[in-house]
Amino acid sequence: STKWTQKGRLFIYDLLKQQGILPLIEHGEM
């Protein structure tokens, strides 16, 4: 199986943010 590192997690964050997709924590909810 493929596991993501924390660096990869931040890469996904920046990538999705460019697509207008934000994590729930940035919508004020967990």
Full PDB file with SEQRES, HELIX, SHEET, SSBOND, CRYST1, ORIGX, SCALE, CONECT and MASTER records, all heavy atoms in Angstrom:
SEQRES   1 A   30  SER THR LYS TRP THR GLN LYS GLY ARG LEU PHE ILE TYR          
SEQRES   2 A   30  ASP LEU LEU LYS GLN GLN GLY ILE LEU PRO LEU ILE GLU          
SEQRES   3 A   30  HIS GLY GLU MET                                              
HELIX    1 AA1 GLN A    6  GLN A   18  1                                  13    
HELIX    2 AA2 LEU A   24  HIS A   27  5                                   4    
CRYST1    1.000    1.000    1.000  90.00  90.00  90.00 P 1           1          
ORIGX1      1.000000  0.000000  0.000000        0.00000                         
ORIGX2      0.000000  1.000000  0.000000        0.00000                         
ORIGX3      0.000000  0.000000  1.000000        0.00000                         
SCALE1      1.000000  0.000000  0.000000        0.00000                         
SCALE2      0.000000  1.000000  0.000000        0.00000                         
SCALE3      0.000000  0.000000  1.000000        0.00000                         
ATOM      1  N   SER A   1       0.841  -1.201   0.000  1.00  0.00           N  
ATOM      2  CA  SER A   1       0.000   0.000   0.000  1.00  0.00           C  
ATOM      3  C   SER A   1       0.871   1.245   0.000  1.00  0.00           C  
ATOM      4  O   SER A   1       2.038   1.211   0.373  1.00  0.00           O  
ATOM      5  CB  SER A   1      -0.922   0.013   1.229  1.00  0.00           C  
ATOM      6  OG  SER A   1      -0.162   0.048   2.414  1.00  0.00           O  
ATOM      7  N   THR A   2       0.294   2.341  -0.462  1.00  0.00           N  
ATOM      8  CA  THR A   2       0.985   3.628  -0.506  1.00  0.00           C  
ATOM      9  C   THR A   2       0.515   4.491   0.653  1.00  0.00           C  
ATOM     10  O   THR A   2      -0.683   4.708   0.821  1.00  0.00           O  
ATOM     11  CB  THR A   2       0.713   4.351  -1.843  1.00  0.00           C  
ATOM     12  OG1 THR A   2       1.261   3.583  -2.915  1.00  0.00           O  
ATOM     13  CG2 THR A   2       1.353   5.736  -1.844  1.00  0.00           C  
ATOM     14  N   LYS A   3       1.442   4.973   1.462  1.00  0.00           N  
ATOM     15  CA  LYS A   3       1.134   5.893   2.558  1.00  0.00           C  
ATOM     16  C   LYS A   3       1.722   7.269   2.242  1.00  0.00           C  
ATOM     17  O   LYS A   3       2.780   7.375   1.610  1.00  0.00           O  
ATOM     18  CB  LYS A   3       1.721   5.373   3.877  1.00  0.00           C  
ATOM     19  CG  LYS A   3       1.121   4.034   4.348  1.00  0.00           C  
ATOM     20  CD  LYS A   3      -0.319   4.182   4.761  1.00  0.00           C  
ATOM     21  CE  LYS A   3      -0.896   2.874   5.290  1.00  0.00           C  
ATOM     22  NZ  LYS A   3      -0.273   2.432   6.539  1.00  0.00           N  
ATOM     23  N   TRP A   4       1.039   8.296   2.693  1.00  0.00           N  
ATOM     24  CA  TRP A   4       1.480   9.676   2.448  1.00  0.00           C  
ATOM     25  C   TRP A   4       2.256  10.200   3.649  1.00  0.00           C  
ATOM     26  O   TRP A   4       1.885   9.970   4.796  1.00  0.00           O  
ATOM     27  CB  TRP A   4       0.281  10.576   2.166  1.00  0.00           C  
ATOM     28  CG  TRP A   4      -0.332  10.331   0.825  1.00  0.00           C  
ATOM     29  CD1 TRP A   4      -1.235   9.360   0.501  1.00  0.00           C  
ATOM     30  CD2 TRP A   4      -0.070  11.053  -0.374  1.00  0.00           C  
ATOM     31  NE1 TRP A   4      -1.552   9.430  -0.832  1.00  0.00           N  
ATOM     32  CE2 TRP A   4      -0.853  10.467  -1.396  1.00  0.00           C  
ATOM     33  CE3 TRP A   4       0.746  12.129  -0.701  1.00  0.00           C  
ATOM     34  CZ2 TRP A   4      -0.843  10.923  -2.707  1.00  0.00           C  
ATOM     35  CZ3 TRP A   4       0.759  12.587  -2.009  1.00  0.00           C  
ATOM     36  CH2 TRP A   4      -0.024  11.989  -2.993  1.00  0.00           C  
ATOM     37  N   THR A   5       3.350  10.923   3.371  1.00  0.00           N  
ATOM     38  CA  THR A   5       4.108  11.600   4.421  1.00  0.00           C  
ATOM     39  C   THR A   5       3.413  12.919   4.749  1.00  0.00           C  
ATOM     40  O   THR A   5       2.487  13.349   4.051  1.00  0.00           O  
ATOM     41  CB  THR A   5       5.542  11.888   3.962  1.00  0.00           C  
ATOM     42  OG1 THR A   5       5.490  12.813   2.845  1.00  0.00           O  
ATOM     43  CG2 THR A   5       6.246  10.608   3.517  1.00  0.00           C  
ATOM     44  N   GLN A   6       3.866  13.584   5.808  1.00  0.00           N  
ATOM     45  CA  GLN A   6       3.293  14.886   6.139  1.00  0.00           C  
ATOM     46  C   GLN A   6       3.621  15.919   5.052  1.00  0.00           C  
ATOM     47  O   GLN A   6       2.824  16.818   4.779  1.00  0.00           O  
ATOM     48  CB  GLN A   6       3.812  15.348   7.505  1.00  0.00           C  
ATOM     49  CG  GLN A   6       3.393  14.444   8.655  1.00  0.00           C  
ATOM     50  CD  GLN A   6       1.895  14.269   8.770  1.00  0.00           C  
ATOM     51  OE1 GLN A   6       1.139  15.212   8.558  1.00  0.00           O  
ATOM     52  NE2 GLN A   6       1.435  13.067   9.092  1.00  0.00           N  
ATOM     53  N   LYS A   7       4.783  15.779   4.426  1.00  0.00           N  
ATOM     54  CA  LYS A   7       5.125  16.662   3.306  1.00  0.00           C  
ATOM     55  C   LYS A   7       4.145  16.443   2.168  1.00  0.00           C  
ATOM     56  O   LYS A   7       3.694  17.393   1.516  1.00  0.00           O  
ATOM     57  CB  LYS A   7       6.559  16.389   2.839  1.00  0.00           C  
ATOM     58  CG  LYS A   7       7.014  17.278   1.700  1.00  0.00           C  
ATOM     59  CD  LYS A   7       8.453  16.963   1.314  1.00  0.00           C  
ATOM     60  CE  LYS A   7       8.894  17.845   0.139  1.00  0.00           C  
ATOM     61  NZ  LYS A   7      10.281  17.546  -0.269  1.00  0.00           N  
ATOM     62  N   GLY A   8       3.814  15.181   1.916  1.00  0.00           N  
ATOM     63  CA  GLY A   8       2.828  14.876   0.883  1.00  0.00           C  
ATOM     64  C   GLY A   8       1.464  15.417   1.234  1.00  0.00           C  
ATOM     65  O   GLY A   8       0.703  15.872   0.363  1.00  0.00           O  
ATOM     66  N   ARG A   9       1.130  15.379   2.516  1.00  0.00           N  
ATOM     67  CA  ARG A   9      -0.160  15.908   2.970  1.00  0.00           C  
ATOM     68  C   ARG A   9      -0.270  17.408   2.687  1.00  0.00           C  
ATOM     69  O   ARG A   9      -1.314  17.903   2.255  1.00  0.00           O  
ATOM     70  CB  ARG A   9      -0.298  15.637   4.466  1.00  0.00           C  
ATOM     71  CG  ARG A   9      -1.663  15.949   5.062  1.00  0.00           C  
ATOM     72  CD  ARG A   9      -1.614  15.669   6.548  1.00  0.00           C  
ATOM     73  NE  ARG A   9      -2.900  15.831   7.196  1.00  0.00           N  
ATOM     74  CZ  ARG A   9      -3.089  15.752   8.514  1.00  0.00           C  
ATOM     75  NH1 ARG A   9      -2.056  15.479   9.298  1.00  0.00           N  
ATOM     76  NH2 ARG A   9      -4.287  15.922   9.045  1.00  0.00           N  
ATOM     77  N   LEU A  10       0.834  18.139   2.931  1.00  0.00           N  
ATOM     78  CA  LEU A  10       0.839  19.575   2.631  1.00  0.00           C  
ATOM     79  C   LEU A  10       0.795  19.820   1.127  1.00  0.00           C  
ATOM     80  O   LEU A  10       0.207  20.796   0.663  1.00  0.00           O  
ATOM     81  CB  LEU A  10       2.076  20.234   3.241  1.00  0.00           C  
ATOM     82  CG  LEU A  10       2.090  20.326   4.770  1.00  0.00           C  
ATOM     83  CD1 LEU A  10       3.375  20.982   5.245  1.00  0.00           C  
ATOM     84  CD2 LEU A  10       0.879  21.097   5.277  1.00  0.00           C  
ATOM     85  N   PHE A  11       1.436  18.941   0.351  1.00  0.00           N  
ATOM     86  CA  PHE A  11       1.378  19.051  -1.112  1.00  0.00           C  
ATOM     87  C   PHE A  11      -0.070  18.918  -1.578  1.00  0.00           C  
ATOM     88  O   PHE A  11      -0.538  19.689  -2.431  1.00  0.00           O  
ATOM     89  CB  PHE A  11       2.244  17.966  -1.748  1.00  0.00           C  
ATOM     90  CG  PHE A  11       2.003  17.769  -3.218  1.00  0.00           C  
ATOM     91  CD1 PHE A  11       2.414  18.716  -4.140  1.00  0.00           C  
ATOM     92  CD2 PHE A  11       1.336  16.638  -3.677  1.00  0.00           C  
ATOM     93  CE1 PHE A  11       2.170  18.544  -5.499  1.00  0.00           C  
ATOM     94  CE2 PHE A  11       1.094  16.457  -5.030  1.00  0.00           C  
ATOM     95  CZ  PHE A  11       1.517  17.409  -5.936  1.00  0.00           C  
ATOM     96  N   ILE A  12      -0.804  17.937  -1.031  1.00  0.00           N  
ATOM     97  CA  ILE A  12      -2.211  17.749  -1.386  1.00  0.00           C  
ATOM     98  C   ILE A  12      -3.013  18.983  -0.984  1.00  0.00           C  
ATOM     99  O   ILE A  12      -3.882  19.451  -1.736  1.00  0.00           O  
ATOM    100  CB  ILE A  12      -2.774  16.486  -0.708  1.00  0.00           C  
ATOM    101  CG1 ILE A  12      -2.133  15.232  -1.316  1.00  0.00           C  
ATOM    102  CG2 ILE A  12      -4.292  16.418  -0.851  1.00  0.00           C  
ATOM    103  CD1 ILE A  12      -2.546  13.942  -0.646  1.00  0.00           C  
ATOM    104  N   TYR A  13      -2.703  19.536   0.189  1.00  0.00           N  
ATOM    105  CA  TYR A  13      -3.405  20.731   0.659  1.00  0.00           C  
ATOM    106  C   TYR A  13      -3.253  21.887  -0.324  1.00  0.00           C  
ATOM    107  O   TYR A  13      -4.229  22.522  -0.733  1.00  0.00           O  
ATOM    108  CB  TYR A  13      -2.874  21.128   2.030  1.00  0.00           C  
ATOM    109  CG  TYR A  13      -3.334  22.489   2.506  1.00  0.00           C  
ATOM    110  CD1 TYR A  13      -4.634  22.688   2.952  1.00  0.00           C  
ATOM    111  CD2 TYR A  13      -2.467  23.583   2.494  1.00  0.00           C  
ATOM    112  CE1 TYR A  13      -5.066  23.942   3.375  1.00  0.00           C  
ATOM    113  CE2 TYR A  13      -2.875  24.830   2.918  1.00  0.00           C  
ATOM    114  CZ  TYR A  13      -4.176  25.008   3.364  1.00  0.00           C  
ATOM    115  OH  TYR A  13      -4.600  26.244   3.774  1.00  0.00           O  
ATOM    116  N   ASP A  14      -1.998  22.168  -0.723  1.00  0.00           N  
ATOM    117  CA  ASP A  14      -1.755  23.270  -1.659  1.00  0.00           C  
ATOM    118  C   ASP A  14      -2.395  22.991  -3.017  1.00  0.00           C  
ATOM    119  O   ASP A  14      -2.939  23.894  -3.661  1.00  0.00           O  
ATOM    120  CB  ASP A  14      -0.245  23.488  -1.828  1.00  0.00           C  
ATOM    121  CG  ASP A  14       0.402  24.101  -0.587  1.00  0.00           C  
ATOM    122  OD1 ASP A  14      -0.296  24.841   0.122  1.00  0.00           O  
ATOM    123  OD2 ASP A  14       1.584  23.830  -0.337  1.00  0.00           O  
ATOM    124  N   LEU A  15      -2.328  21.738  -3.451  1.00  0.00           N  
ATOM    125  CA  LEU A  15      -2.897  21.355  -4.743  1.00  0.00           C  
ATOM    126  C   LEU A  15      -4.403  21.549  -4.749  1.00  0.00           C  
ATOM    127  O   LEU A  15      -4.967  22.154  -5.681  1.00  0.00           O  
ATOM    128  CB  LEU A  15      -2.542  19.896  -5.050  1.00  0.00           C  
ATOM    129  CG  LEU A  15      -3.067  19.327  -6.363  1.00  0.00           C  
ATOM    130  CD1 LEU A  15      -2.283  19.901  -7.530  1.00  0.00           C  
ATOM    131  CD2 LEU A  15      -2.966  17.804  -6.358  1.00  0.00           C  
ATOM    132  N   LEU A  16      -5.089  21.040  -3.727  1.00  0.00           N  
ATOM    133  CA  LEU A  16      -6.543  21.145  -3.676  1.00  0.00           C  
ATOM    134  C   LEU A  16      -6.993  22.581  -3.451  1.00  0.00           C  
ATOM    135  O   LEU A  16      -8.040  22.993  -3.948  1.00  0.00           O  
ATOM    136  CB  LEU A  16      -7.091  20.240  -2.576  1.00  0.00           C  
ATOM    137  CG  LEU A  16      -6.883  18.730  -2.773  1.00  0.00           C  
ATOM    138  CD1 LEU A  16      -7.565  17.948  -1.661  1.00  0.00           C  
ATOM    139  CD2 LEU A  16      -7.406  18.273  -4.136  1.00  0.00           C  
ATOM    140  N   LYS A  17      -6.195  23.353  -2.701  1.00  0.00           N  
ATOM    141  CA  LYS A  17      -6.550  24.760  -2.471  1.00  0.00           C  
ATOM    142  C   LYS A  17      -6.610  25.523  -3.790  1.00  0.00           C  
ATOM    143  O   LYS A  17      -7.477  26.381  -3.983  1.00  0.00           O  
ATOM    144  CB  LYS A  17      -5.541  25.406  -1.523  1.00  0.00           C  
ATOM    145  CG  LYS A  17      -5.892  26.852  -1.168  1.00  0.00           C  
ATOM    146  CD  LYS A  17      -5.042  27.381  -0.030  1.00  0.00           C  
ATOM    147  CE  LYS A  17      -3.597  27.518  -0.413  1.00  0.00           C  
ATOM    148  NZ  LYS A  17      -2.802  28.194   0.635  1.00  0.00           N  
ATOM    149  N   GLN A  18      -5.706  25.163  -4.724  1.00  0.00           N  
ATOM    150  CA  GLN A  18      -5.729  25.801  -6.037  1.00  0.00           C  
ATOM    151  C   GLN A  18      -6.998  25.455  -6.807  1.00  0.00           C  
ATOM    152  O   GLN A  18      -7.404  26.180  -7.711  1.00  0.00           O  
ATOM    153  CB  GLN A  18      -4.497  25.380  -6.844  1.00  0.00           C  
ATOM    154  CG  GLN A  18      -3.191  25.899  -6.281  1.00  0.00           C  
ATOM    155  CD  GLN A  18      -1.981  25.377  -7.020  1.00  0.00           C  
ATOM    156  OE1 GLN A  18      -2.096  24.867  -8.133  1.00  0.00           O  
ATOM    157  NE2 GLN A  18      -0.811  25.488  -6.413  1.00  0.00           N  
ATOM    158  N   GLN A  19      -7.634  24.337  -6.434  1.00  0.00           N  
ATOM    159  CA  GLN A  19      -8.884  23.924  -7.079  1.00  0.00           C  
ATOM    160  C   GLN A  19     -10.113  24.415  -6.303  1.00  0.00           C  
ATOM    161  O   GLN A  19     -11.244  24.063  -6.630  1.00  0.00           O  
ATOM    162  CB  GLN A  19      -8.943  22.391  -7.191  1.00  0.00           C  
ATOM    163  CG  GLN A  19      -7.722  21.748  -7.814  1.00  0.00           C  
ATOM    164  CD  GLN A  19      -7.459  22.244  -9.222  1.00  0.00           C  
ATOM    165  OE1 GLN A  19      -8.392  22.356 -10.028  1.00  0.00           O  
ATOM    166  NE2 GLN A  19      -6.207  22.546  -9.535  1.00  0.00           N  
ATOM    167  N   GLY A  20      -9.871  25.208  -5.253  1.00  0.00           N  
ATOM    168  CA  GLY A  20     -10.977  25.714  -4.447  1.00  0.00           C  
ATOM    169  C   GLY A  20     -11.496  24.712  -3.433  1.00  0.00           C  
ATOM    170  O   GLY A  20     -12.599  24.865  -2.909  1.00  0.00           O  
ATOM    171  N   ILE A  21     -10.710  23.663  -3.138  1.00  0.00           N  
ATOM    172  CA  ILE A  21     -11.117  22.630  -2.184  1.00  0.00           C  
ATOM    173  C   ILE A  21     -10.304  22.813  -0.906  1.00  0.00           C  
ATOM    174  O   ILE A  21      -9.083  22.695  -0.921  1.00  0.00           O  
ATOM    175  CB  ILE A  21     -10.893  21.220  -2.752  1.00  0.00           C  
ATOM    176  CG1 ILE A  21     -11.635  21.061  -4.083  1.00  0.00           C  
ATOM    177  CG2 ILE A  21     -11.339  20.159  -1.752  1.00  0.00           C  
ATOM    178  CD1 ILE A  21     -11.310  19.760  -4.803  1.00  0.00           C  
ATOM    179  N   LEU A  22     -10.984  23.112   0.201  1.00  0.00           N  
ATOM    180  CA  LEU A  22     -10.306  23.370   1.468  1.00  0.00           C  
ATOM    181  C   LEU A  22     -10.678  22.302   2.496  1.00  0.00           C  
ATOM    182  O   LEU A  22     -11.765  21.733   2.454  1.00  0.00           O  
ATOM    183  CB  LEU A  22     -10.706  24.748   2.008  1.00  0.00           C  
ATOM    184  CG  LEU A  22     -10.304  25.953   1.144  1.00  0.00           C  
ATOM    185  CD1 LEU A  22     -10.889  27.225   1.741  1.00  0.00           C  
ATOM    186  CD2 LEU A  22      -8.795  26.065   1.027  1.00  0.00           C  
ATOM    187  N   PRO A  23      -9.782  22.029   3.457  1.00  0.00           N  
ATOM    188  CA  PRO A  23     -10.116  21.074   4.526  1.00  0.00           C  
ATOM    189  C   PRO A  23     -11.218  21.626   5.409  1.00  0.00           C  
ATOM    190  O   PRO A  23     -11.432  22.843   5.490  1.00  0.00           O  
ATOM    191  CB  PRO A  23      -8.790  20.930   5.280  1.00  0.00           C  
ATOM    192  CG  PRO A  23      -8.048  22.180   4.994  1.00  0.00           C  
ATOM    193  CD  PRO A  23      -8.422  22.565   3.590  1.00  0.00           C  
ATOM    194  N   LEU A  24     -11.914  20.733   6.094  1.00  0.00           N  
ATOM    195  CA  LEU A  24     -13.039  21.149   6.929  1.00  0.00           C  
ATOM    196  C   LEU A  24     -12.621  22.140   8.007  1.00  0.00           C  
ATOM    197  O   LEU A  24     -13.391  23.030   8.368  1.00  0.00           O  
ATOM    198  CB  LEU A  24     -13.675  19.914   7.591  1.00  0.00           C  
ATOM    199  CG  LEU A  24     -14.290  18.891   6.634  1.00  0.00           C  
ATOM    200  CD1 LEU A  24     -14.877  17.736   7.418  1.00  0.00           C  
ATOM    201  CD2 LEU A  24     -15.354  19.525   5.743  1.00  0.00           C  
ATOM    202  N   ILE A  25     -11.395  22.011   8.509  1.00  0.00           N  
ATOM    203  CA  ILE A  25     -10.940  22.906   9.569  1.00  0.00           C  
ATOM    204  C   ILE A  25     -10.928  24.358   9.108  1.00  0.00           C  
ATOM    205  O   ILE A  25     -11.070  25.276   9.901  1.00  0.00           O  
ATOM    206  CB  ILE A  25      -9.528  22.476  10.072  1.00  0.00           C  
ATOM    207  CG1 ILE A  25      -9.169  23.227  11.347  1.00  0.00           C  
ATOM    208  CG2 ILE A  25      -8.478  22.688   9.014  1.00  0.00           C  
ATOM    209  CD1 ILE A  25      -7.873  22.769  11.970  1.00  0.00           C  
ATOM    210  N   GLU A  26     -10.775  24.582   7.813  1.00  0.00           N  
ATOM    211  CA  GLU A  26     -10.763  25.951   7.281  1.00  0.00           C  
ATOM    212  C   GLU A  26     -12.166  26.444   6.937  1.00  0.00           C  
ATOM    213  O   GLU A  26     -12.353  27.547   6.462  1.00  0.00           O  
ATOM    214  CB  GLU A  26      -9.834  26.035   6.073  1.00  0.00           C  
ATOM    215  CG  GLU A  26      -8.393  25.791   6.465  1.00  0.00           C  
ATOM    216  CD  GLU A  26      -7.393  26.221   5.400  1.00  0.00           C  
ATOM    217  OE1 GLU A  26      -7.811  26.848   4.423  1.00  0.00           O  
ATOM    218  OE2 GLU A  26      -6.201  25.923   5.570  1.00  0.00           O  
ATOM    219  N   HIS A  27     -13.154  25.583   7.197  1.00  0.00           N  
ATOM    220  CA  HIS A  27     -14.553  26.014   7.090  1.00  0.00           C  
ATOM    221  C   HIS A  27     -15.121  26.257   8.474  1.00  0.00           C  
ATOM    222  O   HIS A  27     -16.328  26.419   8.642  1.00  0.00           O  
ATOM    223  CB  HIS A  27     -15.385  24.927   6.390  1.00  0.00           C  
ATOM    224  CG  HIS A  27     -15.069  24.787   4.941  1.00  0.00           C  
ATOM    225  ND1 HIS A  27     -15.535  25.641   3.981  1.00  0.00           N  
ATOM    226  CD2 HIS A  27     -14.303  23.880   4.283  1.00  0.00           C  
ATOM    227  CE1 HIS A  27     -15.108  25.280   2.785  1.00  0.00           C  
ATOM    228  NE2 HIS A  27     -14.337  24.202   2.933  1.00  0.00           N  
ATOM    229  N   GLY A  28     -14.223  26.238   9.480  1.00  0.00           N  
ATOM    230  CA  GLY A  28     -14.670  26.487  10.834  1.00  0.00           C  
ATOM    231  C   GLY A  28     -15.299  25.286  11.487  1.00  0.00           C  
ATOM    232  O   GLY A  28     -16.041  25.397  12.460  1.00  0.00           O  
ATOM    233  N   GLU A  29     -15.028  24.071  10.930  1.00  0.00           N  
ATOM    234  CA  GLU A  29     -15.592  22.882  11.520  1.00  0.00           C  
ATOM    235  C   GLU A  29     -14.552  21.784  11.486  1.00  0.00           C  
ATOM    236  O   GLU A  29     -13.619  21.792  10.695  1.00  0.00           O  
ATOM    237  CB  GLU A  29     -16.849  22.454  10.764  1.00  0.00           C  
ATOM    238  CG  GLU A  29     -16.618  22.250   9.280  1.00  0.00           C  
ATOM    239  CD  GLU A  29     -17.888  21.931   8.536  1.00  0.00           C  
ATOM    240  OE1 GLU A  29     -18.548  20.951   8.894  1.00  0.00           O  
ATOM    241  OE2 GLU A  29     -18.199  22.675   7.590  1.00  0.00           O  
ATOM    242  N   MET A  30     -14.658  20.794  12.315  1.00  0.00           N  
ATOM    243  CA  MET A  30     -13.741  19.673  12.360  1.00  0.00           C  
ATOM    244  C   MET A  30     -14.413  18.441  11.782  1.00  0.00           C  
ATOM    245  O   MET A  30     -15.617  18.253  11.931  1.00  0.00           O  
ATOM    246  CB  MET A  30     -13.325  19.386  13.816  1.00  0.00           C  
ATOM    247  CG  MET A  30     -12.510  20.494  14.436  1.00  0.00           C  
ATOM    248  SD  MET A  30     -10.896  20.701  13.657  1.00  0.00           S  
ATOM    249  CE  MET A  30     -10.125  19.145  14.119  1.00  0.00           C  
TER     250      MET A  30                                                      
MASTER        0    0    0    2    0    0    0    6  249    1    0    3          
END                                                                             
